[in-house]
Amino acid sequence: MAEIPQIPADEPVVVPAASEATYPDLYITDLFVQADYADFAKTKALVVLYPYNYTTKQALVEQSRRTEYRIDDLWSAAAHMPLLAQTMGQLTYVVSLMRQKESLESRLTAALDGEDVSALQTALATVKTNLGITE
């Protein structure tokens, strides 16, 4: 499993209980991208975060602790932040590869007579390599 990057919170959340727990970080639970089909320039993003303890790997998922970070004009923001543009490009690339993997696996499972299974297996191996799958 990949290591999740640490996101420090502005102020740690301390929850009193039988045993005190501290959540000095934030954890991304939801990531939404919403395009306006009439005007793609109006694409928005929403990131939902909850208090998290990176060391103990515990999250405090309570609605009252939910934090939202909004980007009202995603593509304009990406134009001014190369890392955001790179991240959006990588996300799009990964989704494309995951769709290819799913399609190739489905085609291999239902391989029809005459279909080049070897070519499908080679294509699937390439996609898995590009996704970093080392099984």
N, C-alpha and C. Protein backbone atom coordinates (compact mmCIF):
# COMPACT_ATOMS: atom_id res chain seq x y z
N MET A 1 0.84 -1.17 0.00
CA MET A 1 0.00 0.00 0.00
C MET A 1 0.89 1.23 0.00
N ALA A 2 0.53 2.22 -0.79
CA ALA A 2 1.32 3.44 -0.91
C ALA A 2 1.21 4.27 0.36
N GLU A 3 2.27 4.93 0.72
CA GLU A 3 2.29 5.82 1.89
C GLU A 3 1.51 7.08 1.55
N ILE A 4 0.62 7.49 2.43
CA ILE A 4 -0.18 8.69 2.22
C ILE A 4 0.61 9.89 2.71
N PRO A 5 0.75 10.94 1.89
CA PRO A 5 1.48 12.12 2.32
C PRO A 5 0.82 12.80 3.52
N GLN A 6 1.62 13.37 4.39
CA GLN A 6 1.12 14.05 5.57
C GLN A 6 0.65 15.45 5.19
N ILE A 7 -0.51 15.86 5.71
CA ILE A 7 -1.04 17.21 5.50
C ILE A 7 -1.19 17.85 6.87
N PRO A 8 -0.28 18.73 7.27
CA PRO A 8 -0.39 19.36 8.59
C PRO A 8 -1.61 20.28 8.66
N ALA A 9 -2.33 20.21 9.78
CA ALA A 9 -3.48 21.10 10.01
C ALA A 9 -2.97 22.42 10.58
N ASP A 10 -3.75 23.48 10.40
CA ASP A 10 -3.37 24.77 10.98
C ASP A 10 -3.37 24.69 12.50
N GLU A 11 -4.39 24.02 13.05
CA GLU A 11 -4.49 23.83 14.50
C GLU A 11 -4.85 22.38 14.77
N PRO A 12 -4.05 21.67 15.58
CA PRO A 12 -4.39 20.29 15.92
C PRO A 12 -5.72 20.21 16.65
N VAL A 13 -6.47 19.15 16.41
CA VAL A 13 -7.74 18.92 17.10
C VAL A 13 -7.48 17.94 18.23
N VAL A 14 -7.84 18.34 19.44
CA VAL A 14 -7.70 17.47 20.61
C VAL A 14 -9.09 17.09 21.06
N VAL A 15 -9.36 15.80 21.16
CA VAL A 15 -10.67 15.30 21.54
C VAL A 15 -10.58 14.66 22.92
N PRO A 16 -11.19 15.29 23.93
CA PRO A 16 -11.15 14.69 25.27
C PRO A 16 -12.06 13.47 25.31
N ALA A 17 -11.60 12.42 25.94
CA ALA A 17 -12.37 11.19 26.10
C ALA A 17 -11.70 10.39 27.21
N ALA A 18 -12.07 9.12 27.30
CA ALA A 18 -11.45 8.25 28.29
C ALA A 18 -9.93 8.28 28.10
N SER A 19 -9.53 8.19 26.86
CA SER A 19 -8.12 8.37 26.54
C SER A 19 -8.04 9.47 25.49
N GLU A 20 -7.27 10.48 25.77
CA GLU A 20 -7.16 11.64 24.89
C GLU A 20 -6.50 11.26 23.57
N ALA A 21 -7.00 11.81 22.49
CA ALA A 21 -6.41 11.59 21.17
C ALA A 21 -6.16 12.96 20.53
N THR A 22 -5.04 13.09 19.87
CA THR A 22 -4.68 14.32 19.19
C THR A 22 -4.62 14.04 17.69
N TYR A 23 -5.16 14.98 16.92
CA TYR A 23 -5.18 14.86 15.46
C TYR A 23 -4.49 16.10 14.88
N PRO A 24 -3.17 16.05 14.72
CA PRO A 24 -2.44 17.23 14.28
C PRO A 24 -2.44 17.43 12.76
N ASP A 25 -3.02 16.51 12.02
CA ASP A 25 -2.96 16.55 10.56
C ASP A 25 -4.36 16.50 9.97
N LEU A 26 -4.43 16.48 8.65
CA LEU A 26 -5.70 16.37 7.93
C LEU A 26 -5.62 15.21 6.96
N TYR A 27 -6.78 14.61 6.67
CA TYR A 27 -6.87 13.46 5.78
C TYR A 27 -7.91 13.78 4.71
N ILE A 28 -7.57 13.57 3.45
CA ILE A 28 -8.52 13.80 2.36
C ILE A 28 -9.45 12.59 2.27
N THR A 29 -10.75 12.84 2.43
CA THR A 29 -11.72 11.76 2.32
C THR A 29 -12.49 11.81 1.02
N ASP A 30 -12.62 12.99 0.44
CA ASP A 30 -13.38 13.13 -0.80
C ASP A 30 -12.68 14.13 -1.70
N LEU A 31 -12.75 13.86 -2.98
CA LEU A 31 -12.22 14.78 -3.99
C LEU A 31 -13.21 14.77 -5.14
N PHE A 32 -13.81 15.93 -5.39
CA PHE A 32 -14.81 16.05 -6.45
C PHE A 32 -14.34 17.08 -7.47
N VAL A 33 -14.52 16.75 -8.74
CA VAL A 33 -14.28 17.71 -9.81
C VAL A 33 -15.59 17.80 -10.58
N GLN A 34 -16.12 19.01 -10.71
CA GLN A 34 -17.40 19.21 -11.37
C GLN A 34 -17.23 20.16 -12.53
N ALA A 35 -17.48 19.65 -13.73
CA ALA A 35 -17.37 20.47 -14.93
C ALA A 35 -18.72 21.07 -15.28
N ASP A 36 -18.69 22.30 -15.78
CA ASP A 36 -19.87 22.94 -16.34
C ASP A 36 -19.81 22.62 -17.83
N TYR A 37 -20.69 21.74 -18.29
CA TYR A 37 -20.61 21.27 -19.67
C TYR A 37 -20.82 22.38 -20.70
N ALA A 38 -21.48 23.45 -20.31
CA ALA A 38 -21.67 24.57 -21.23
C ALA A 38 -20.41 25.42 -21.31
N ASP A 39 -19.60 25.39 -20.25
CA ASP A 39 -18.39 26.22 -20.20
C ASP A 39 -17.36 25.52 -19.31
N PHE A 40 -16.47 24.73 -19.93
CA PHE A 40 -15.49 23.95 -19.17
C PHE A 40 -14.55 24.84 -18.36
N ALA A 41 -14.47 26.12 -18.70
CA ALA A 41 -13.63 27.04 -17.93
C ALA A 41 -14.17 27.23 -16.52
N LYS A 42 -15.43 26.85 -16.31
CA LYS A 42 -16.05 27.00 -14.99
C LYS A 42 -15.95 25.72 -14.17
N THR A 43 -15.00 24.86 -14.46
CA THR A 43 -14.82 23.62 -13.72
C THR A 43 -14.39 23.93 -12.29
N LYS A 44 -15.05 23.25 -11.34
CA LYS A 44 -14.77 23.47 -9.92
C LYS A 44 -14.22 22.20 -9.30
N ALA A 45 -13.53 22.36 -8.18
CA ALA A 45 -13.05 21.22 -7.41
C ALA A 45 -13.38 21.43 -5.95
N LEU A 46 -13.62 20.32 -5.27
CA LEU A 46 -13.89 20.35 -3.84
C LEU A 46 -13.09 19.23 -3.20
N VAL A 47 -12.34 19.58 -2.16
CA VAL A 47 -11.57 18.61 -1.39
C VAL A 47 -12.14 18.62 0.03
N VAL A 48 -12.50 17.45 0.54
CA VAL A 48 -13.04 17.33 1.89
C VAL A 48 -11.96 16.70 2.77
N LEU A 49 -11.71 17.36 3.91
CA LEU A 49 -10.67 16.90 4.83
C LEU A 49 -11.24 16.70 6.23
N TYR A 50 -10.66 15.75 6.95
CA TYR A 50 -11.00 15.51 8.35
C TYR A 50 -9.72 15.45 9.17
N PRO A 51 -9.82 15.73 10.48
CA PRO A 51 -8.65 15.62 11.35
C PRO A 51 -8.07 14.20 11.28
N TYR A 52 -6.75 14.13 11.36
CA TYR A 52 -6.05 12.85 11.17
C TYR A 52 -4.76 12.86 11.98
N ASN A 53 -4.37 11.70 12.44
CA ASN A 53 -3.09 11.56 13.11
C ASN A 53 -2.22 10.67 12.22
N TYR A 54 -1.25 11.28 11.59
CA TYR A 54 -0.39 10.59 10.63
C TYR A 54 0.38 9.45 11.30
N THR A 55 0.76 9.64 12.54
CA THR A 55 1.55 8.63 13.25
C THR A 55 0.71 7.40 13.60
N THR A 56 -0.50 7.62 14.14
CA THR A 56 -1.34 6.49 14.56
C THR A 56 -2.27 6.01 13.44
N LYS A 57 -2.36 6.78 12.36
CA LYS A 57 -3.24 6.47 11.22
C LYS A 57 -4.71 6.48 11.62
N GLN A 58 -5.08 7.31 12.59
CA GLN A 58 -6.46 7.43 13.03
C GLN A 58 -7.06 8.73 12.51
N ALA A 59 -8.29 8.63 12.01
CA ALA A 59 -9.01 9.81 11.52
C ALA A 59 -10.20 10.08 12.43
N LEU A 60 -10.56 11.34 12.54
CA LEU A 60 -11.74 11.75 13.30
C LEU A 60 -12.79 12.19 12.28
N VAL A 61 -13.59 11.24 11.84
CA VAL A 61 -14.57 11.52 10.79
C VAL A 61 -15.91 11.83 11.45
N GLU A 62 -16.03 13.08 11.88
CA GLU A 62 -17.27 13.59 12.45
C GLU A 62 -17.66 14.81 11.62
N GLN A 63 -18.92 14.89 11.27
CA GLN A 63 -19.39 15.97 10.40
C GLN A 63 -18.99 17.35 10.92
N SER A 64 -18.99 17.53 12.23
CA SER A 64 -18.65 18.83 12.81
C SER A 64 -17.17 19.18 12.62
N ARG A 65 -16.36 18.19 12.29
CA ARG A 65 -14.91 18.41 12.10
C ARG A 65 -14.53 18.49 10.62
N ARG A 66 -15.51 18.37 9.75
CA ARG A 66 -15.29 18.38 8.29
C ARG A 66 -14.79 19.75 7.85
N THR A 67 -13.77 19.76 7.02
CA THR A 67 -13.25 20.98 6.42
C THR A 67 -13.33 20.83 4.91
N GLU A 68 -13.79 21.86 4.23
CA GLU A 68 -13.87 21.83 2.77
C GLU A 68 -12.92 22.87 2.19
N TYR A 69 -12.23 22.47 1.15
CA TYR A 69 -11.37 23.39 0.41
C TYR A 69 -11.90 23.42 -1.01
N ARG A 70 -12.28 24.60 -1.47
CA ARG A 70 -12.88 24.74 -2.80
C ARG A 70 -11.95 25.48 -3.76
N ILE A 71 -11.97 25.02 -5.00
CA ILE A 71 -11.28 25.72 -6.09
C ILE A 71 -12.37 26.03 -7.11
N ASP A 72 -12.77 27.30 -7.20
CA ASP A 72 -13.90 27.67 -8.05
C ASP A 72 -13.58 27.66 -9.54
N ASP A 73 -12.34 27.88 -9.92
CA ASP A 73 -11.95 27.86 -11.32
C ASP A 73 -10.70 27.01 -11.43
N LEU A 74 -10.90 25.69 -11.52
CA LEU A 74 -9.80 24.73 -11.47
C LEU A 74 -8.76 24.98 -12.55
N TRP A 75 -9.18 25.22 -13.78
CA TRP A 75 -8.20 25.35 -14.87
C TRP A 75 -7.43 26.66 -14.78
N SER A 76 -8.04 27.71 -14.31
CA SER A 76 -7.32 28.96 -14.09
C SER A 76 -6.28 28.76 -12.99
N ALA A 77 -6.69 28.07 -11.91
CA ALA A 77 -5.74 27.79 -10.82
C ALA A 77 -4.59 26.94 -11.33
N ALA A 78 -4.89 25.94 -12.16
CA ALA A 78 -3.84 25.07 -12.70
C ALA A 78 -2.89 25.84 -13.60
N ALA A 79 -3.42 26.85 -14.31
CA ALA A 79 -2.57 27.66 -15.18
C ALA A 79 -1.55 28.47 -14.38
N HIS A 80 -1.88 28.76 -13.13
CA HIS A 80 -0.99 29.55 -12.28
C HIS A 80 -0.17 28.69 -11.33
N MET A 81 -0.51 27.40 -11.22
CA MET A 81 0.20 26.50 -10.32
C MET A 81 0.61 25.25 -11.09
N PRO A 82 1.86 25.21 -11.57
CA PRO A 82 2.30 24.06 -12.37
C PRO A 82 2.11 22.71 -11.67
N LEU A 83 2.26 22.65 -10.36
CA LEU A 83 2.09 21.39 -9.66
C LEU A 83 0.63 20.91 -9.73
N LEU A 84 -0.33 21.83 -9.63
CA LEU A 84 -1.73 21.47 -9.77
C LEU A 84 -2.01 20.98 -11.20
N ALA A 85 -1.45 21.66 -12.19
CA ALA A 85 -1.63 21.23 -13.58
C ALA A 85 -1.06 19.83 -13.79
N GLN A 86 0.12 19.58 -13.24
CA GLN A 86 0.77 18.27 -13.36
C GLN A 86 -0.08 17.20 -12.66
N THR A 87 -0.60 17.52 -11.50
CA THR A 87 -1.42 16.57 -10.74
C THR A 87 -2.70 16.23 -11.51
N MET A 88 -3.36 17.22 -12.08
CA MET A 88 -4.57 16.96 -12.85
C MET A 88 -4.25 16.11 -14.08
N GLY A 89 -3.11 16.38 -14.72
CA GLY A 89 -2.69 15.57 -15.85
C GLY A 89 -2.43 14.13 -15.44
N GLN A 90 -1.76 13.93 -14.32
CA GLN A 90 -1.47 12.58 -13.83
C GLN A 90 -2.76 11.85 -13.44
N LEU A 91 -3.69 12.55 -12.81
CA LEU A 91 -4.96 11.94 -12.44
C LEU A 91 -5.71 11.47 -13.69
N THR A 92 -5.74 12.31 -14.70
CA THR A 92 -6.40 11.95 -15.96
C THR A 92 -5.71 10.74 -16.60
N TYR A 93 -4.39 10.72 -16.58
CA TYR A 93 -3.61 9.61 -17.15
C TYR A 93 -3.90 8.31 -16.40
N VAL A 94 -3.91 8.36 -15.08
CA VAL A 94 -4.16 7.16 -14.27
C VAL A 94 -5.56 6.62 -14.52
N VAL A 95 -6.54 7.50 -14.58
CA VAL A 95 -7.92 7.06 -14.85
C VAL A 95 -7.98 6.38 -16.22
N SER A 96 -7.31 6.95 -17.20
CA SER A 96 -7.27 6.35 -18.54
C SER A 96 -6.66 4.96 -18.50
N LEU A 97 -5.54 4.81 -17.79
CA LEU A 97 -4.89 3.50 -17.67
C LEU A 97 -5.77 2.49 -16.93
N MET A 98 -6.43 2.94 -15.88
CA MET A 98 -7.31 2.04 -15.12
C MET A 98 -8.46 1.54 -16.00
N ARG A 99 -9.00 2.42 -16.83
CA ARG A 99 -10.07 2.01 -17.75
C ARG A 99 -9.55 1.01 -18.77
N GLN A 100 -8.34 1.26 -19.29
CA GLN A 100 -7.73 0.32 -20.24
C GLN A 100 -7.53 -1.04 -19.60
N LYS A 101 -7.02 -1.05 -18.38
CA LYS A 101 -6.78 -2.30 -17.65
C LYS A 101 -8.07 -3.09 -17.50
N GLU A 102 -9.12 -2.40 -17.05
CA GLU A 102 -10.41 -3.05 -16.85
C GLU A 102 -10.94 -3.62 -18.17
N SER A 103 -10.83 -2.86 -19.24
CA SER A 103 -11.31 -3.31 -20.55
C SER A 103 -10.52 -4.52 -21.05
N LEU A 104 -9.19 -4.47 -20.91
CA LEU A 104 -8.36 -5.59 -21.37
C LEU A 104 -8.62 -6.84 -20.54
N GLU A 105 -8.78 -6.70 -19.24
CA GLU A 105 -9.07 -7.86 -18.39
C GLU A 105 -10.42 -8.48 -18.77
N SER A 106 -11.39 -7.63 -19.05
CA SER A 106 -12.70 -8.12 -19.46
C SER A 106 -12.62 -8.85 -20.80
N ARG A 107 -11.87 -8.27 -21.73
CA ARG A 107 -11.72 -8.90 -23.05
C ARG A 107 -10.98 -10.23 -22.94
N LEU A 108 -10.00 -10.31 -22.05
CA LEU A 108 -9.27 -11.58 -21.87
C LEU A 108 -10.17 -12.64 -21.25
N THR A 109 -11.01 -12.24 -20.32
CA THR A 109 -11.92 -13.18 -19.66
C THR A 109 -12.90 -13.77 -20.66
N ALA A 110 -13.36 -12.94 -21.58
CA ALA A 110 -14.35 -13.38 -22.56
C ALA A 110 -13.74 -13.50 -23.96
N ALA A 111 -12.45 -13.86 -24.02
CA ALA A 111 -11.77 -13.92 -25.31
C ALA A 111 -12.54 -14.79 -26.30
N LEU A 112 -12.81 -14.22 -27.44
CA LEU A 112 -13.55 -14.91 -28.49
C LEU A 112 -12.58 -15.68 -29.37
N ASP A 113 -13.12 -16.70 -30.03
CA ASP A 113 -12.30 -17.45 -30.99
C ASP A 113 -11.73 -16.50 -32.01
N GLY A 114 -10.47 -16.65 -32.27
CA GLY A 114 -9.81 -15.81 -33.26
C GLY A 114 -9.22 -14.54 -32.71
N GLU A 115 -9.60 -14.15 -31.49
CA GLU A 115 -9.04 -12.94 -30.89
C GLU A 115 -7.61 -13.24 -30.45
N ASP A 116 -6.73 -12.32 -30.70
CA ASP A 116 -5.31 -12.51 -30.38
C ASP A 116 -5.08 -12.32 -28.88
N VAL A 117 -5.19 -13.41 -28.14
CA VAL A 117 -5.04 -13.39 -26.68
C VAL A 117 -3.64 -12.92 -26.30
N SER A 118 -2.66 -13.32 -27.06
CA SER A 118 -1.28 -12.92 -26.78
C SER A 118 -1.13 -11.40 -26.85
N ALA A 119 -1.74 -10.78 -27.84
CA ALA A 119 -1.67 -9.33 -27.98
C ALA A 119 -2.39 -8.64 -26.81
N LEU A 120 -3.52 -9.21 -26.39
CA LEU A 120 -4.24 -8.65 -25.25
C LEU A 120 -3.41 -8.76 -23.98
N GLN A 121 -2.76 -9.91 -23.79
CA GLN A 121 -1.91 -10.11 -22.61
C GLN A 121 -0.73 -9.13 -22.60
N THR A 122 -0.15 -8.91 -23.76
CA THR A 122 0.97 -7.96 -23.87
C THR A 122 0.50 -6.54 -23.56
N ALA A 123 -0.64 -6.16 -24.11
CA ALA A 123 -1.18 -4.83 -23.86
C ALA A 123 -1.50 -4.66 -22.37
N LEU A 124 -2.08 -5.68 -21.76
CA LEU A 124 -2.42 -5.62 -20.34
C LEU A 124 -1.15 -5.51 -19.50
N ALA A 125 -0.12 -6.24 -19.85
CA ALA A 125 1.15 -6.17 -19.11
C ALA A 125 1.74 -4.76 -19.19
N THR A 126 1.64 -4.13 -20.36
CA THR A 126 2.15 -2.77 -20.53
C THR A 126 1.37 -1.79 -19.66
N VAL A 127 0.05 -1.91 -19.67
CA VAL A 127 -0.79 -1.02 -18.86
C VAL A 127 -0.47 -1.20 -17.38
N LYS A 128 -0.33 -2.45 -16.93
CA LYS A 128 0.00 -2.72 -15.53
C LYS A 128 1.35 -2.12 -15.15
N THR A 129 2.31 -2.24 -16.05
CA THR A 129 3.63 -1.64 -15.80
C THR A 129 3.51 -0.14 -15.66
N ASN A 130 2.74 0.50 -16.54
CA ASN A 130 2.55 1.95 -16.49
C ASN A 130 1.83 2.38 -15.21
N LEU A 131 0.97 1.50 -14.66
CA LEU A 131 0.29 1.79 -13.41
C LEU A 131 1.17 1.50 -12.19
N GLY A 132 2.30 0.84 -12.43
CA GLY A 132 3.19 0.50 -11.32
C GLY A 132 2.82 -0.80 -10.62
N ILE A 133 1.98 -1.62 -11.26
CA ILE A 133 1.57 -2.90 -10.70
C ILE A 133 2.68 -3.91 -10.95
N THR A 134 3.16 -4.53 -9.89
CA THR A 134 4.31 -5.44 -10.01
C THR A 134 3.99 -6.87 -9.62
N GLU A 135 2.73 -7.28 -9.70
CA GLU A 135 2.33 -8.63 -9.26
C GLU A 135 3.03 -9.73 -9.99
